[in-house]
Each structure stands twice: as structure tokens, then as C-alpha cells.
Amino acid sequence: MLDEEHVDGARITPERDAHAPWSITCGVYGWMVHTRFFSSQDEAAAELERMREGLEILLSSGDESRFSEFVAQFP
């Protein structure tokens, strides 16, 4: 549906009917990929914005060890 690439080497991609009715996959090139699954478009849209912001914070920290915090925030 959409594939956004961040200038610092990351991307976030919402998908429909991939492995669940809705999913969001995001990753930072070279060290992590994380996918979440949702049952409704509304929930996925709201979480896409939250994940986009969380990914920005993760990238700006430059600290790969914070990935576990990201996953805990977005299980």
C-alpha cells in the first residue's frame, strides 16, 4: 500500500492481506526488521503513526541496543 524510506536508512511499510488483514513492517538497514499484525485498518493506521515516530527516535539515538525498547513499545 505504501513504502516509506527514511533518509537515515530505514523503511516502514503498511500492508493489507499479507499475513493478517493488516500489518506494518519496519526496519533499519543492516540490523533489524520488525512486523506487527492488526485486525482493522483503523488500528493499523493509528499504530503506523506511532511506529513512525518511534522509528525516528530509534534512528536519532543511533543505539542498536535500543531495539528491544522499540519492540517492547510496539509488540
PDB file of N, CA and C in Angstrom:
ATOM      1  N   MET A   1       0.817  -1.195   0.000  1.00  0.00           N
ATOM      2  CA  MET A   1       0.000   0.000   0.000  1.00  0.00           C
ATOM      3  C   MET A   1       0.863   1.262   0.000  1.00  0.00           C
ATOM      4  N   LEU A   2       1.910   1.233   0.798  1.00  0.00           N
ATOM      5  CA  LEU A   2       2.756   2.406   0.977  1.00  0.00           C
ATOM      6  C   LEU A   2       4.112   1.894   1.422  1.00  0.00           C
ATOM      7  N   ASP A   3       5.156   2.540   0.987  1.00  0.00           N
ATOM      8  CA  ASP A   3       6.501   2.138   1.386  1.00  0.00           C
ATOM      9  C   ASP A   3       7.310   3.405   1.585  1.00  0.00           C
ATOM     10  N   GLU A   4       7.526   3.764   2.854  1.00  0.00           N
ATOM     11  CA  GLU A   4       8.241   4.998   3.164  1.00  0.00           C
ATOM     12  C   GLU A   4       9.678   4.678   3.534  1.00  0.00           C
ATOM     13  N   GLU A   5      10.604   5.396   2.923  1.00  0.00           N
ATOM     14  CA  GLU A   5      12.014   5.210   3.231  1.00  0.00           C
ATOM     15  C   GLU A   5      12.534   6.446   3.956  1.00  0.00           C
ATOM     16  N   HIS A   6      13.276   6.207   5.042  1.00  0.00           N
ATOM     17  CA  HIS A   6      13.863   7.282   5.830  1.00  0.00           C
ATOM     18  C   HIS A   6      15.264   7.567   5.297  1.00  0.00           C
ATOM     19  N   VAL A   7      15.660   8.824   5.286  1.00  0.00           N
ATOM     20  CA  VAL A   7      16.968   9.203   4.744  1.00  0.00           C
ATOM     21  C   VAL A   7      18.125   8.596   5.533  1.00  0.00           C
ATOM     22  N   ASP A   8      17.902   8.206   6.786  1.00  0.00           N
ATOM     23  CA  ASP A   8      18.967   7.625   7.603  1.00  0.00           C
ATOM     24  C   ASP A   8      19.045   6.106   7.478  1.00  0.00           C
ATOM     25  N   GLY A   9      18.350   5.539   6.501  1.00  0.00           N
ATOM     26  CA  GLY A   9      18.485   4.109   6.240  1.00  0.00           C
ATOM     27  C   GLY A   9      17.484   3.215   6.920  1.00  0.00           C
ATOM     28  N   ALA A  10      16.222   3.553   6.817  1.00  0.00           N
ATOM     29  CA  ALA A  10      15.165   2.728   7.390  1.00  0.00           C
ATOM     30  C   ALA A  10      13.945   2.810   6.484  1.00  0.00           C
ATOM     31  N   ARG A  11      13.022   1.893   6.711  1.00  0.00           N
ATOM     32  CA  ARG A  11      11.756   1.968   5.975  1.00  0.00           C
ATOM     33  C   ARG A  11      10.642   1.421   6.839  1.00  0.00           C
ATOM     34  N   ILE A  12       9.411   1.879   6.499  1.00  0.00           N
ATOM     35  CA  ILE A  12       8.209   1.400   7.179  1.00  0.00           C
ATOM     36  C   ILE A  12       7.154   1.174   6.109  1.00  0.00           C
ATOM     37  N   THR A  13       6.524  -0.016   6.170  1.00  0.00           N
ATOM     38  CA  THR A  13       5.618  -0.427   5.102  1.00  0.00           C
ATOM     39  C   THR A  13       4.340  -1.026   5.673  1.00  0.00           C
ATOM     40  N   PRO A  14       3.205  -0.355   5.525  1.00  0.00           N
ATOM     41  CA  PRO A  14       1.932  -0.979   5.886  1.00  0.00           C
ATOM     42  C   PRO A  14       1.474  -1.874   4.728  1.00  0.00           C
ATOM     43  N   GLU A  15       0.876  -3.022   5.075  1.00  0.00           N
ATOM     44  CA  GLU A  15       0.423  -3.959   4.046  1.00  0.00           C
ATOM     45  C   GLU A  15      -0.984  -4.446   4.380  1.00  0.00           C
ATOM     46  N   ARG A  16      -1.695  -4.805   3.346  1.00  0.00           N
ATOM     47  CA  ARG A  16      -3.041  -5.346   3.522  1.00  0.00           C
ATOM     48  C   ARG A  16      -3.061  -6.775   3.005  1.00  0.00           C
ATOM     49  N   ASP A  17      -3.654  -7.666   3.800  1.00  0.00           N
ATOM     50  CA  ASP A  17      -3.821  -9.073   3.433  1.00  0.00           C
ATOM     51  C   ASP A  17      -2.512  -9.784   3.121  1.00  0.00           C
ATOM     52  N   ALA A  18      -1.450  -9.432   3.834  1.00  0.00           N
ATOM     53  CA  ALA A  18      -0.175 -10.124   3.643  1.00  0.00           C
ATOM     54  C   ALA A  18      -0.159 -11.391   4.504  1.00  0.00           C
ATOM     55  N   HIS A  19      -0.070 -11.247   5.812  1.00  0.00           N
ATOM     56  CA  HIS A  19      -0.103 -12.373   6.737  1.00  0.00           C
ATOM     57  C   HIS A  19      -1.276 -12.242   7.704  1.00  0.00           C
ATOM     58  N   ALA A  20      -1.901 -11.104   7.687  1.00  0.00           N
ATOM     59  CA  ALA A  20      -3.066 -10.800   8.524  1.00  0.00           C
ATOM     60  C   ALA A  20      -3.866  -9.764   7.737  1.00  0.00           C
ATOM     61  N   PRO A  21      -5.046  -9.411   8.216  1.00  0.00           N
ATOM     62  CA  PRO A  21      -5.783  -8.385   7.467  1.00  0.00           C
ATOM     63  C   PRO A  21      -4.949  -7.117   7.248  1.00  0.00           C
ATOM     64  N   TRP A  22      -4.155  -6.725   8.259  1.00  0.00           N
ATOM     65  CA  TRP A  22      -3.290  -5.544   8.147  1.00  0.00           C
ATOM     66  C   TRP A  22      -1.986  -5.838   8.876  1.00  0.00           C
ATOM     67  N   SER A  23      -0.883  -5.354   8.343  1.00  0.00           N
ATOM     68  CA  SER A  23       0.396  -5.490   9.028  1.00  0.00           C
ATOM     69  C   SER A  23       1.263  -4.268   8.734  1.00  0.00           C
ATOM     70  N   ILE A  24       2.225  -4.058   9.603  1.00  0.00           N
ATOM     71  CA  ILE A  24       3.205  -2.986   9.411  1.00  0.00           C
ATOM     72  C   ILE A  24       4.579  -3.606   9.641  1.00  0.00           C
ATOM     73  N   THR A  25       5.453  -3.462   8.666  1.00  0.00           N
ATOM     74  CA  THR A  25       6.827  -3.924   8.788  1.00  0.00           C
ATOM     75  C   THR A  25       7.732  -2.713   8.731  1.00  0.00           C
ATOM     76  N   CYS A  26       8.653  -2.649   9.675  1.00  0.00           N
ATOM     77  CA  CYS A  26       9.636  -1.571   9.637  1.00  0.00           C
ATOM     78  C   CYS A  26      11.006  -2.167   9.881  1.00  0.00           C
ATOM     79  N   GLY A  27      11.998  -1.455   9.426  1.00  0.00           N
ATOM     80  CA  GLY A  27      13.351  -1.949   9.610  1.00  0.00           C
ATOM     81  C   GLY A  27      14.379  -0.850   9.491  1.00  0.00           C
ATOM     82  N   VAL A  28      15.518  -1.110  10.096  1.00  0.00           N
ATOM     83  CA  VAL A  28      16.673  -0.247   9.951  1.00  0.00           C
ATOM     84  C   VAL A  28      17.700  -1.086   9.214  1.00  0.00           C
ATOM     85  N   TYR A  29      18.168  -0.597   8.107  1.00  0.00           N
ATOM     86  CA  TYR A  29      19.064  -1.363   7.252  1.00  0.00           C
ATOM     87  C   TYR A  29      20.274  -1.874   8.017  1.00  0.00           C
ATOM     88  N   GLY A  30      20.502  -3.166   7.886  1.00  0.00           N
ATOM     89  CA  GLY A  30      21.683  -3.776   8.466  1.00  0.00           C
ATOM     90  C   GLY A  30      21.554  -4.308   9.879  1.00  0.00           C
ATOM     91  N   TRP A  31      20.431  -3.989  10.589  1.00  0.00           N
ATOM     92  CA  TRP A  31      20.358  -4.532  11.938  1.00  0.00           C
ATOM     93  C   TRP A  31      18.993  -4.883  12.493  1.00  0.00           C
ATOM     94  N   MET A  32      17.897  -4.552  11.885  1.00  0.00           N
ATOM     95  CA  MET A  32      16.638  -5.014  12.455  1.00  0.00           C
ATOM     96  C   MET A  32      15.489  -4.912  11.470  1.00  0.00           C
ATOM     97  N   VAL A  33      14.538  -5.859  11.626  1.00  0.00           N
ATOM     98  CA  VAL A  33      13.249  -5.835  10.937  1.00  0.00           C
ATOM     99  C   VAL A  33      12.216  -6.251  11.975  1.00  0.00           C
ATOM    100  N   HIS A  34      11.088  -5.550  12.005  1.00  0.00           N
ATOM    101  CA  HIS A  34      10.047  -5.844  12.991  1.00  0.00           C
ATOM    102  C   HIS A  34       8.689  -5.715  12.310  1.00  0.00           C
ATOM    103  N   THR A  35       7.833  -6.725  12.494  1.00  0.00           N
ATOM    104  CA  THR A  35       6.493  -6.718  11.892  1.00  0.00           C
ATOM    105  C   THR A  35       5.444  -6.867  12.977  1.00  0.00           C
ATOM    106  N   ARG A  36       4.372  -6.092  12.829  1.00  0.00           N
ATOM    107  CA  ARG A  36       3.209  -6.188  13.718  1.00  0.00           C
ATOM    108  C   ARG A  36       1.970  -6.485  12.878  1.00  0.00           C
ATOM    109  N   PHE A  37       0.973  -7.128  13.499  1.00  0.00           N
ATOM    110  CA  PHE A  37      -0.230  -7.548  12.792  1.00  0.00           C
ATOM    111  C   PHE A  37      -1.467  -6.955  13.466  1.00  0.00           C
ATOM    112  N   PHE A  38      -2.456  -6.567  12.631  1.00  0.00           N
ATOM    113  CA  PHE A  38      -3.659  -5.891  13.124  1.00  0.00           C
ATOM    114  C   PHE A  38      -4.886  -6.455  12.424  1.00  0.00           C
ATOM    115  N   SER A  39      -6.016  -6.371  13.112  1.00  0.00           N
ATOM    116  CA  SER A  39      -7.254  -6.875  12.539  1.00  0.00           C
ATOM    117  C   SER A  39      -8.070  -5.802  11.832  1.00  0.00           C
ATOM    118  N   SER A  40      -7.765  -4.511  12.106  1.00  0.00           N
ATOM    119  CA  SER A  40      -8.552  -3.459  11.461  1.00  0.00           C
ATOM    120  C   SER A  40      -7.665  -2.382  10.845  1.00  0.00           C
ATOM    121  N   GLN A  41      -8.193  -1.743   9.832  1.00  0.00           N
ATOM    122  CA  GLN A  41      -7.475  -0.666   9.166  1.00  0.00           C
ATOM    123  C   GLN A  41      -7.287   0.525  10.111  1.00  0.00           C
ATOM    124  N   ASP A  42      -8.296   0.832  10.906  1.00  0.00           N
ATOM    125  CA  ASP A  42      -8.200   1.962  11.833  1.00  0.00           C
ATOM    126  C   ASP A  42      -7.065   1.762  12.837  1.00  0.00           C
ATOM    127  N   GLU A  43      -6.980   0.559  13.392  1.00  0.00           N
ATOM    128  CA  GLU A  43      -5.917   0.271  14.353  1.00  0.00           C
ATOM    129  C   GLU A  43      -4.538   0.359  13.681  1.00  0.00           C
ATOM    130  N   ALA A  44      -4.422  -0.203  12.499  1.00  0.00           N
ATOM    131  CA  ALA A  44      -3.144  -0.162  11.778  1.00  0.00           C
ATOM    132  C   ALA A  44      -2.747   1.278  11.443  1.00  0.00           C
ATOM    133  N   ALA A  45      -3.702   2.093  11.033  1.00  0.00           N
ATOM    134  CA  ALA A  45      -3.398   3.489  10.688  1.00  0.00           C
ATOM    135  C   ALA A  45      -2.914   4.263  11.906  1.00  0.00           C
ATOM    136  N   ALA A  46      -3.552   4.051  13.048  1.00  0.00           N
ATOM    137  CA  ALA A  46      -3.136   4.743  14.272  1.00  0.00           C
ATOM    138  C   ALA A  46      -1.749   4.281  14.707  1.00  0.00           C
ATOM    139  N   GLU A  47      -1.500   2.991  14.629  1.00  0.00           N
ATOM    140  CA  GLU A  47      -0.209   2.451  15.040  1.00  0.00           C
ATOM    141  C   GLU A  47       0.901   2.798  14.047  1.00  0.00           C
ATOM    142  N   LEU A  48       0.566   2.983  12.792  1.00  0.00           N
ATOM    143  CA  LEU A  48       1.565   3.391  11.806  1.00  0.00           C
ATOM    144  C   LEU A  48       2.191   4.719  12.213  1.00  0.00           C
ATOM    145  N   GLU A  49       1.382   5.652  12.627  1.00  0.00           N
ATOM    146  CA  GLU A  49       1.900   6.955  13.040  1.00  0.00           C
ATOM    147  C   GLU A  49       2.766   6.835  14.291  1.00  0.00           C
ATOM    148  N   ARG A  50       2.306   6.050  15.261  1.00  0.00           N
ATOM    149  CA  ARG A  50       3.100   5.844  16.481  1.00  0.00           C
ATOM    150  C   ARG A  50       4.431   5.160  16.161  1.00  0.00           C
ATOM    151  N   MET A  51       4.390   4.154  15.296  1.00  0.00           N
ATOM    152  CA  MET A  51       5.617   3.436  14.941  1.00  0.00           C
ATOM    153  C   MET A  51       6.570   4.325  14.153  1.00  0.00           C
ATOM    154  N   ARG A  52       6.024   5.151  13.292  1.00  0.00           N
ATOM    155  CA  ARG A  52       6.851   6.083  12.521  1.00  0.00           C
ATOM    156  C   ARG A  52       7.625   6.992  13.474  1.00  0.00           C
ATOM    157  N   GLU A  53       6.945   7.506  14.489  1.00  0.00           N
ATOM    158  CA  GLU A  53       7.594   8.366  15.480  1.00  0.00           C
ATOM    159  C   GLU A  53       8.629   7.586  16.296  1.00  0.00           C
ATOM    160  N   GLY A  54       8.289   6.373  16.687  1.00  0.00           N
ATOM    161  CA  GLY A  54       9.220   5.541  17.442  1.00  0.00           C
ATOM    162  C   GLY A  54      10.459   5.186  16.644  1.00  0.00           C
ATOM    163  N   LEU A  55      10.272   4.930  15.363  1.00  0.00           N
ATOM    164  CA  LEU A  55      11.399   4.623  14.487  1.00  0.00           C
ATOM    165  C   LEU A  55      12.319   5.836  14.345  1.00  0.00           C
ATOM    166  N   GLU A  56      11.735   7.000  14.268  1.00  0.00           N
ATOM    167  CA  GLU A  56      12.521   8.243  14.198  1.00  0.00           C
ATOM    168  C   GLU A  56      13.377   8.415  15.450  1.00  0.00           C
ATOM    169  N   ILE A  57      12.796   8.147  16.614  1.00  0.00           N
ATOM    170  CA  ILE A  57      13.542   8.245  17.876  1.00  0.00           C
ATOM    171  C   ILE A  57      14.672   7.217  17.904  1.00  0.00           C
ATOM    172  N   LEU A  58      14.373   5.997  17.476  1.00  0.00           N
ATOM    173  CA  LEU A  58      15.389   4.947  17.434  1.00  0.00           C
ATOM    174  C   LEU A  58      16.542   5.346  16.522  1.00  0.00           C
ATOM    175  N   LEU A  59      16.231   5.869  15.355  1.00  0.00           N
ATOM    176  CA  LEU A  59      17.272   6.282  14.409  1.00  0.00           C
ATOM    177  C   LEU A  59      18.104   7.433  14.956  1.00  0.00           C
ATOM    178  N   SER A  60      17.453   8.384  15.584  1.00  0.00           N
ATOM    179  CA  SER A  60      18.186   9.548  16.078  1.00  0.00           C
ATOM    180  C   SER A  60      19.105   9.184  17.246  1.00  0.00           C
ATOM    181  N   SER A  61      18.780   8.103  17.969  1.00  0.00           N
ATOM    182  CA  SER A  61      19.637   7.681  19.075  1.00  0.00           C
ATOM    183  C   SER A  61      20.922   7.043  18.554  1.00  0.00           C
ATOM    184  N   GLY A  62      20.837   6.383  17.391  1.00  0.00           N
ATOM    185  CA  GLY A  62      21.994   5.692  16.836  1.00  0.00           C
ATOM    186  C   GLY A  62      22.445   4.505  17.666  1.00  0.00           C
ATOM    187  N   ASP A  63      21.622   4.058  18.588  1.00  0.00           N
ATOM    188  CA  ASP A  63      21.987   2.996  19.526  1.00  0.00           C
ATOM    189  C   ASP A  63      21.199   1.724  19.202  1.00  0.00           C
ATOM    190  N   GLU A  64      21.859   0.738  18.601  1.00  0.00           N
ATOM    191  CA  GLU A  64      21.198  -0.507  18.222  1.00  0.00           C
ATOM    192  C   GLU A  64      20.617  -1.246  19.422  1.00  0.00           C
ATOM    193  N   SER A  65      21.181  -1.056  20.586  1.00  0.00           N
ATOM    194  CA  SER A  65      20.686  -1.763  21.769  1.00  0.00           C
ATOM    195  C   SER A  65      19.286  -1.295  22.170  1.00  0.00           C
ATOM    196  N   ARG A  66      18.845  -0.165  21.651  1.00  0.00           N
ATOM    197  CA  ARG A  66      17.501   0.342  21.975  1.00  0.00           C
ATOM    198  C   ARG A  66      16.405  -0.362  21.173  1.00  0.00           C
ATOM    199  N   PHE A  67      16.792  -1.277  20.284  1.00  0.00           N
ATOM    200  CA  PHE A  67      15.815  -2.030  19.508  1.00  0.00           C
ATOM    201  C   PHE A  67      14.845  -2.763  20.424  1.00  0.00           C
ATOM    202  N   SER A  68      15.351  -3.337  21.525  1.00  0.00           N
ATOM    203  CA  SER A  68      14.472  -4.072  22.444  1.00  0.00           C
ATOM    204  C   SER A  68      13.420  -3.140  23.056  1.00  0.00           C
ATOM    205  N   GLU A  69      13.773  -1.889  23.293  1.00  0.00           N
ATOM    206  CA  GLU A  69      12.797  -0.913  23.788  1.00  0.00           C
ATOM    207  C   GLU A  69      11.723  -0.648  22.733  1.00  0.00           C
ATOM    208  N   PHE A  70      12.144  -0.563  21.479  1.00  0.00           N
ATOM    209  CA  PHE A  70      11.210  -0.330  20.378  1.00  0.00           C
ATOM    210  C   PHE A  70      10.212  -1.493  20.299  1.00  0.00           C
ATOM    211  N   VAL A  71      10.715  -2.716  20.342  1.00  0.00           N
ATOM    212  CA  VAL A  71       9.848  -3.893  20.268  1.00  0.00           C
ATOM    213  C   VAL A  71       8.904  -3.956  21.474  1.00  0.00           C
ATOM    214  N   ALA A  72       9.396  -3.596  22.640  1.00  0.00           N
ATOM    215  CA  ALA A  72       8.529  -3.602  23.829  1.00  0.00           C
ATOM    216  C   ALA A  72       7.427  -2.558  23.707  1.00  0.00           C
ATOM    217  N   GLN A  73       7.753  -1.426  23.104  1.00  0.00           N
ATOM    218  CA  GLN A  73       6.757  -0.366  22.927  1.00  0.00           C
ATOM    219  C   GLN A  73       5.746  -0.722  21.840  1.00  0.00           C
ATOM    220  N   PHE A  74       6.213  -1.486  20.842  1.00  0.00           N
ATOM    221  CA  PHE A  74       5.367  -1.866  19.704  1.00  0.00           C
ATOM    222  C   PHE A  74       5.384  -3.384  19.517  1.00  0.00           C
ATOM    223  N   PRO A  75       4.750  -4.126  20.440  1.00  0.00           N
ATOM    224  CA  PRO A  75       4.804  -5.608  20.375  1.00  0.00           C
ATOM    225  C   PRO A  75       4.009  -6.187  19.220  1.00  0.00           C
TER     226      PRO A  75
END
